[in-house]
Amino acid sequence: MYIETLGNVGDTATLFSPIINVDGLTEPSVQFYYHLFGANMGDLSVDVYDGTAWQVGLFTSSGPVQTAGSDAFEQAIINLAGYTGDIQVRFVSTRTGVTSGDMAIDDFSVEEAPACAPVALLDTGVLNAMDAEITWQSQGSETTWIVEYGHCRFCSWHIGN
């Protein structure tokens, strides 16, 4: 899916998946790659219909993620633990600016959730001989991470609640 931000502020584009049965999956997940680039990128919301109602905003992003058109796509994983039967996924793009925004979604799948979801939007802040500031966006419900760093005999730290 590719969307160019042309039109009026507030316009939406919506892409629906076919209806997908997840009964064969122990812990289903929605997985896709996204590229959000441009000064007036807009908003992306990924919603899932659980057979009764739309669960809105299971994944959201506002504004640009990539800083150049040539930047790599980011992966998103939405854990659907507890979902059974038929589901449907929708991608909703909402225009927030006049022009200058390109949104692309690629490699969409519904499959078994990974045992250890990778982090998204990994970034660094302060980096010097004594400090390193690292930020990321979780891709599931995890609240604890193991961070390993250093030289040959490095330390391992647990971060979280």
C-alpha atoms as a PDB file:
ATOM      1  CA  MET A   1       0.000   0.000   0.000  1.00  0.00           C
ATOM      2  CA  TYR A   2       1.313   3.441  -0.879  1.00  0.00           C
ATOM      3  CA  ILE A   3      -0.294   6.768   0.018  1.00  0.00           C
ATOM      4  CA  GLU A   4       0.744  10.240  -1.124  1.00  0.00           C
ATOM      5  CA  THR A   5      -0.513  13.133   1.024  1.00  0.00           C
ATOM      6  CA  LEU A   6      -2.589  14.991  -1.538  1.00  0.00           C
ATOM      7  CA  GLY A   7      -6.079  16.239  -0.782  1.00  0.00           C
ATOM      8  CA  ASN A   8      -7.659  17.860   2.251  1.00  0.00           C
ATOM      9  CA  VAL A   9      -6.521  17.770   5.864  1.00  0.00           C
ATOM     10  CA  GLY A  10      -8.469  15.017   7.631  1.00  0.00           C
ATOM     11  CA  ASP A  11      -8.901  12.873   4.504  1.00  0.00           C
ATOM     12  CA  THR A  12      -8.440   9.164   5.180  1.00  0.00           C
ATOM     13  CA  ALA A  13      -7.394   6.181   3.125  1.00  0.00           C
ATOM     14  CA  THR A  14      -8.326   2.748   4.452  1.00  0.00           C
ATOM     15  CA  LEU A  15      -7.042  -0.660   3.394  1.00  0.00           C
ATOM     16  CA  PHE A  16      -8.849  -3.797   4.634  1.00  0.00           C
ATOM     17  CA  SER A  17      -7.344  -7.283   4.730  1.00  0.00           C
ATOM     18  CA  PRO A  18      -9.477 -10.245   3.787  1.00  0.00           C
ATOM     19  CA  ILE A  19     -11.064 -12.077   6.727  1.00  0.00           C
ATOM     20  CA  ILE A  20      -8.411 -14.334   8.254  1.00  0.00           C
ATOM     21  CA  ASN A  21      -9.001 -17.290  10.586  1.00  0.00           C
ATOM     22  CA  VAL A  22      -6.390 -17.450  13.373  1.00  0.00           C
ATOM     23  CA  ASP A  23      -7.554 -20.651  15.098  1.00  0.00           C
ATOM     24  CA  GLY A  24      -4.480 -22.540  13.849  1.00  0.00           C
ATOM     25  CA  LEU A  25      -2.105 -20.155  15.622  1.00  0.00           C
ATOM     26  CA  THR A  26      -1.123 -20.481  19.294  1.00  0.00           C
ATOM     27  CA  GLU A  27      -0.290 -16.774  19.628  1.00  0.00           C
ATOM     28  CA  PRO A  28      -1.304 -14.904  16.477  1.00  0.00           C
ATOM     29  CA  SER A  29       0.281 -11.645  15.415  1.00  0.00           C
ATOM     30  CA  VAL A  30      -0.063  -9.101  12.637  1.00  0.00           C
ATOM     31  CA  GLN A  31       3.294  -8.276  11.087  1.00  0.00           C
ATOM     32  CA  PHE A  32       4.201  -5.695   8.449  1.00  0.00           C
ATOM     33  CA  TYR A  33       6.864  -3.207   7.434  1.00  0.00           C
ATOM     34  CA  TYR A  34       6.191   0.518   7.145  1.00  0.00           C
ATOM     35  CA  HIS A  35       7.881   3.605   5.722  1.00  0.00           C
ATOM     36  CA  LEU A  36       6.584   7.013   6.844  1.00  0.00           C
ATOM     37  CA  PHE A  37       8.503   9.906   5.313  1.00  0.00           C
ATOM     38  CA  GLY A  38       7.823  13.590   4.777  1.00  0.00           C
ATOM     39  CA  ALA A  39       7.258  16.840   6.665  1.00  0.00           C
ATOM     40  CA  ASN A  40       3.454  16.400   6.600  1.00  0.00           C
ATOM     41  CA  MET A  41       3.422  12.638   7.078  1.00  0.00           C
ATOM     42  CA  GLY A  42       0.084  12.259   8.845  1.00  0.00           C
ATOM     43  CA  ASP A  43      -1.158   9.455  11.071  1.00  0.00           C
ATOM     44  CA  LEU A  44      -1.294   5.679  10.703  1.00  0.00           C
ATOM     45  CA  SER A  45      -3.581   3.474  12.778  1.00  0.00           C
ATOM     46  CA  VAL A  46      -3.803  -0.307  12.511  1.00  0.00           C
ATOM     47  CA  ASP A  47      -7.054  -1.767  13.825  1.00  0.00           C
ATOM     48  CA  VAL A  48      -8.263  -5.364  14.161  1.00  0.00           C
ATOM     49  CA  TYR A  49     -11.856  -6.613  14.006  1.00  0.00           C
ATOM     50  CA  ASP A  50     -12.182  -9.439  16.535  1.00  0.00           C
ATOM     51  CA  GLY A  51     -15.542 -10.739  15.328  1.00  0.00           C
ATOM     52  CA  THR A  52     -17.482  -8.387  17.584  1.00  0.00           C
ATOM     53  CA  ALA A  53     -15.957  -4.914  17.335  1.00  0.00           C
ATOM     54  CA  TRP A  54     -13.002  -3.016  15.878  1.00  0.00           C
ATOM     55  CA  GLN A  55     -10.098  -2.827  18.319  1.00  0.00           C
ATOM     56  CA  VAL A  56      -8.742   0.591  17.329  1.00  0.00           C
ATOM     57  CA  GLY A  57      -5.154   1.775  17.465  1.00  0.00           C
ATOM     58  CA  LEU A  58      -3.369  -1.502  18.215  1.00  0.00           C
ATOM     59  CA  PHE A  59      -0.510   0.158  16.338  1.00  0.00           C
ATOM     60  CA  THR A  60      -0.282   3.918  15.805  1.00  0.00           C
ATOM     61  CA  SER A  61       2.275   6.312  14.434  1.00  0.00           C
ATOM     62  CA  SER A  62       2.101  10.075  13.903  1.00  0.00           C
ATOM     63  CA  GLY A  63       4.440  12.064  11.725  1.00  0.00           C
ATOM     64  CA  PRO A  64       7.550  10.910   9.914  1.00  0.00           C
ATOM     65  CA  VAL A  65       9.571   7.920  11.113  1.00  0.00           C
ATOM     66  CA  GLN A  66      12.183   7.845   8.354  1.00  0.00           C
ATOM     67  CA  THR A  67      14.277  10.965   7.685  1.00  0.00           C
ATOM     68  CA  ALA A  68      14.970  10.173   4.026  1.00  0.00           C
ATOM     69  CA  GLY A  69      13.112   8.402   1.254  1.00  0.00           C
ATOM     70  CA  SER A  70      15.978   5.918   1.012  1.00  0.00           C
ATOM     71  CA  ASP A  71      15.832   4.917   4.724  1.00  0.00           C
ATOM     72  CA  ALA A  72      14.983   1.301   5.528  1.00  0.00           C
ATOM     73  CA  PHE A  73      11.455   0.208   6.404  1.00  0.00           C
ATOM     74  CA  GLU A  74      10.653  -0.445  10.093  1.00  0.00           C
ATOM     75  CA  GLN A  75       8.954  -3.667  11.183  1.00  0.00           C
ATOM     76  CA  ALA A  76       5.787  -3.680  13.278  1.00  0.00           C
ATOM     77  CA  ILE A  77       4.468  -6.689  15.186  1.00  0.00           C
ATOM     78  CA  ILE A  78       1.052  -6.568  16.839  1.00  0.00           C
ATOM     79  CA  ASN A  79       0.552  -9.421  19.275  1.00  0.00           C
ATOM     80  CA  LEU A  80      -2.983 -10.811  19.111  1.00  0.00           C
ATOM     81  CA  ALA A  81      -2.749 -13.260  22.032  1.00  0.00           C
ATOM     82  CA  GLY A  82      -6.257 -14.275  23.011  1.00  0.00           C
ATOM     83  CA  TYR A  83      -7.776 -13.652  19.572  1.00  0.00           C
ATOM     84  CA  THR A  84      -9.578 -16.635  18.061  1.00  0.00           C
ATOM     85  CA  GLY A  85     -11.702 -17.295  15.026  1.00  0.00           C
ATOM     86  CA  ASP A  86     -11.982 -14.797  12.201  1.00  0.00           C
ATOM     87  CA  ILE A  87     -10.245 -11.423  12.293  1.00  0.00           C
ATOM     88  CA  GLN A  88      -9.864  -8.594   9.822  1.00  0.00           C
ATOM     89  CA  VAL A  89      -7.109  -5.963   9.787  1.00  0.00           C
ATOM     90  CA  ARG A  90      -7.444  -2.400   8.551  1.00  0.00           C
ATOM     91  CA  PHE A  91      -4.804   0.237   7.960  1.00  0.00           C
ATOM     92  CA  VAL A  92      -6.111   3.798   8.289  1.00  0.00           C
ATOM     93  CA  SER A  93      -4.033   6.728   7.076  1.00  0.00           C
ATOM     94  CA  THR A  94      -5.204  10.215   8.059  1.00  0.00           C
ATOM     95  CA  ARG A  95      -3.866  13.246   6.251  1.00  0.00           C
ATOM     96  CA  THR A  96      -2.642  16.040   8.556  1.00  0.00           C
ATOM     97  CA  GLY A  97      -0.782  18.369   6.182  1.00  0.00           C
ATOM     98  CA  VAL A  98      -0.910  19.848   2.714  1.00  0.00           C
ATOM     99  CA  THR A  99       1.776  17.868   0.861  1.00  0.00           C
ATOM    100  CA  SER A 100       5.139  16.234   1.479  1.00  0.00           C
ATOM    101  CA  GLY A 101       4.253  12.890   2.969  1.00  0.00           C
ATOM    102  CA  ASP A 102       4.677   9.343   1.653  1.00  0.00           C
ATOM    103  CA  MET A 103       3.367   6.285   3.498  1.00  0.00           C
ATOM    104  CA  ALA A 104       4.095   2.716   2.435  1.00  0.00           C
ATOM    105  CA  ILE A 105       3.068  -0.616   3.982  1.00  0.00           C
ATOM    106  CA  ASP A 106       4.747  -3.823   2.795  1.00  0.00           C
ATOM    107  CA  ASP A 107       5.032  -7.542   3.551  1.00  0.00           C
ATOM    108  CA  PHE A 108       1.797  -7.855   5.571  1.00  0.00           C
ATOM    109  CA  SER A 109       1.185 -11.204   7.278  1.00  0.00           C
ATOM    110  CA  VAL A 110      -0.752 -12.840  10.095  1.00  0.00           C
ATOM    111  CA  GLU A 111       1.415 -15.504  11.681  1.00  0.00           C
ATOM    112  CA  GLU A 112       2.728 -16.929  14.924  1.00  0.00           C
ATOM    113  CA  ALA A 113       4.118 -14.181  17.191  1.00  0.00           C
ATOM    114  CA  PRO A 114       7.873 -14.364  17.709  1.00  0.00           C
ATOM    115  CA  ALA A 115       9.017 -15.638  21.109  1.00  0.00           C
ATOM    116  CA  CYS A 116      11.081 -12.472  21.536  1.00  0.00           C
ATOM    117  CA  ALA A 117       9.784  -9.530  19.535  1.00  0.00           C
ATOM    118  CA  PRO A 118      12.445  -7.214  18.130  1.00  0.00           C
ATOM    119  CA  VAL A 119      12.356  -3.584  19.209  1.00  0.00           C
ATOM    120  CA  ALA A 120      11.477  -0.830  16.755  1.00  0.00           C
ATOM    121  CA  LEU A 121      12.803   2.671  16.254  1.00  0.00           C
ATOM    122  CA  LEU A 122      16.082   1.939  18.047  1.00  0.00           C
ATOM    123  CA  ASP A 123      17.917   5.228  18.561  1.00  0.00           C
ATOM    124  CA  THR A 124      20.777   6.672  20.574  1.00  0.00           C
ATOM    125  CA  GLY A 125      21.079   9.951  22.443  1.00  0.00           C
ATOM    126  CA  VAL A 126      24.053  10.691  24.683  1.00  0.00           C
ATOM    127  CA  LEU A 127      27.100   8.620  23.730  1.00  0.00           C
ATOM    128  CA  ASN A 128      30.454   9.100  25.443  1.00  0.00           C
ATOM    129  CA  ALA A 129      33.067   7.099  27.339  1.00  0.00           C
ATOM    130  CA  MET A 130      30.875   6.813  30.460  1.00  0.00           C
ATOM    131  CA  ASP A 131      27.264   7.036  29.234  1.00  0.00           C
ATOM    132  CA  ALA A 132      25.006   5.713  26.529  1.00  0.00           C
ATOM    133  CA  GLU A 133      21.363   6.693  26.159  1.00  0.00           C
ATOM    134  CA  ILE A 134      19.339   4.225  24.110  1.00  0.00           C
ATOM    135  CA  THR A 135      15.635   4.446  23.286  1.00  0.00           C
ATOM    136  CA  TRP A 136      13.292   2.092  21.477  1.00  0.00           C
ATOM    137  CA  GLN A 137       9.638   1.256  20.969  1.00  0.00           C
ATOM    138  CA  SER A 138       8.416  -2.111  22.202  1.00  0.00           C
ATOM    139  CA  GLN A 139       6.481  -4.314  19.787  1.00  0.00           C
ATOM    140  CA  GLY A 140       4.368  -6.166  22.292  1.00  0.00           C
ATOM    141  CA  SER A 141       3.333  -6.215  25.911  1.00  0.00           C
ATOM    142  CA  GLU A 142       6.837  -6.739  27.310  1.00  0.00           C
ATOM    143  CA  THR A 143       7.940  -4.592  30.265  1.00  0.00           C
ATOM    144  CA  THR A 144      11.383  -6.081  30.913  1.00  0.00           C
ATOM    145  CA  TRP A 145      14.397  -6.267  28.605  1.00  0.00           C
ATOM    146  CA  ILE A 146      17.888  -7.694  28.825  1.00  0.00           C
ATOM    147  CA  VAL A 147      20.462  -5.201  27.594  1.00  0.00           C
ATOM    148  CA  GLU A 148      23.951  -6.497  26.943  1.00  0.00           C
ATOM    149  CA  TYR A 149      26.889  -4.291  26.097  1.00  0.00           C
ATOM    150  CA  GLY A 150      30.613  -3.850  26.465  1.00  0.00           C
ATOM    151  CA  HIS A 151      33.866  -5.568  25.802  1.00  0.00           C
ATOM    152  CA  CYS A 152      34.935  -9.166  26.153  1.00  0.00           C
ATOM    153  CA  ARG A 153      33.591  -9.628  29.712  1.00  0.00           C
ATOM    154  CA  PHE A 154      30.602  -7.333  29.486  1.00  0.00           C
ATOM    155  CA  CYS A 155      27.725  -6.884  31.923  1.00  0.00           C
ATOM    156  CA  SER A 156      24.103  -7.842  31.442  1.00  0.00           C
ATOM    157  CA  TRP A 157      21.353  -5.607  32.871  1.00  0.00           C
ATOM    158  CA  HIS A 158      17.624  -6.087  33.319  1.00  0.00           C
ATOM    159  CA  ILE A 159      15.548  -2.995  32.637  1.00  0.00           C
ATOM    160  CA  GLY A 160      11.861  -2.587  33.371  1.00  0.00           C
ATOM    161  CA  ASN A 161       9.264  -2.992  36.050  1.00  0.00           C
END
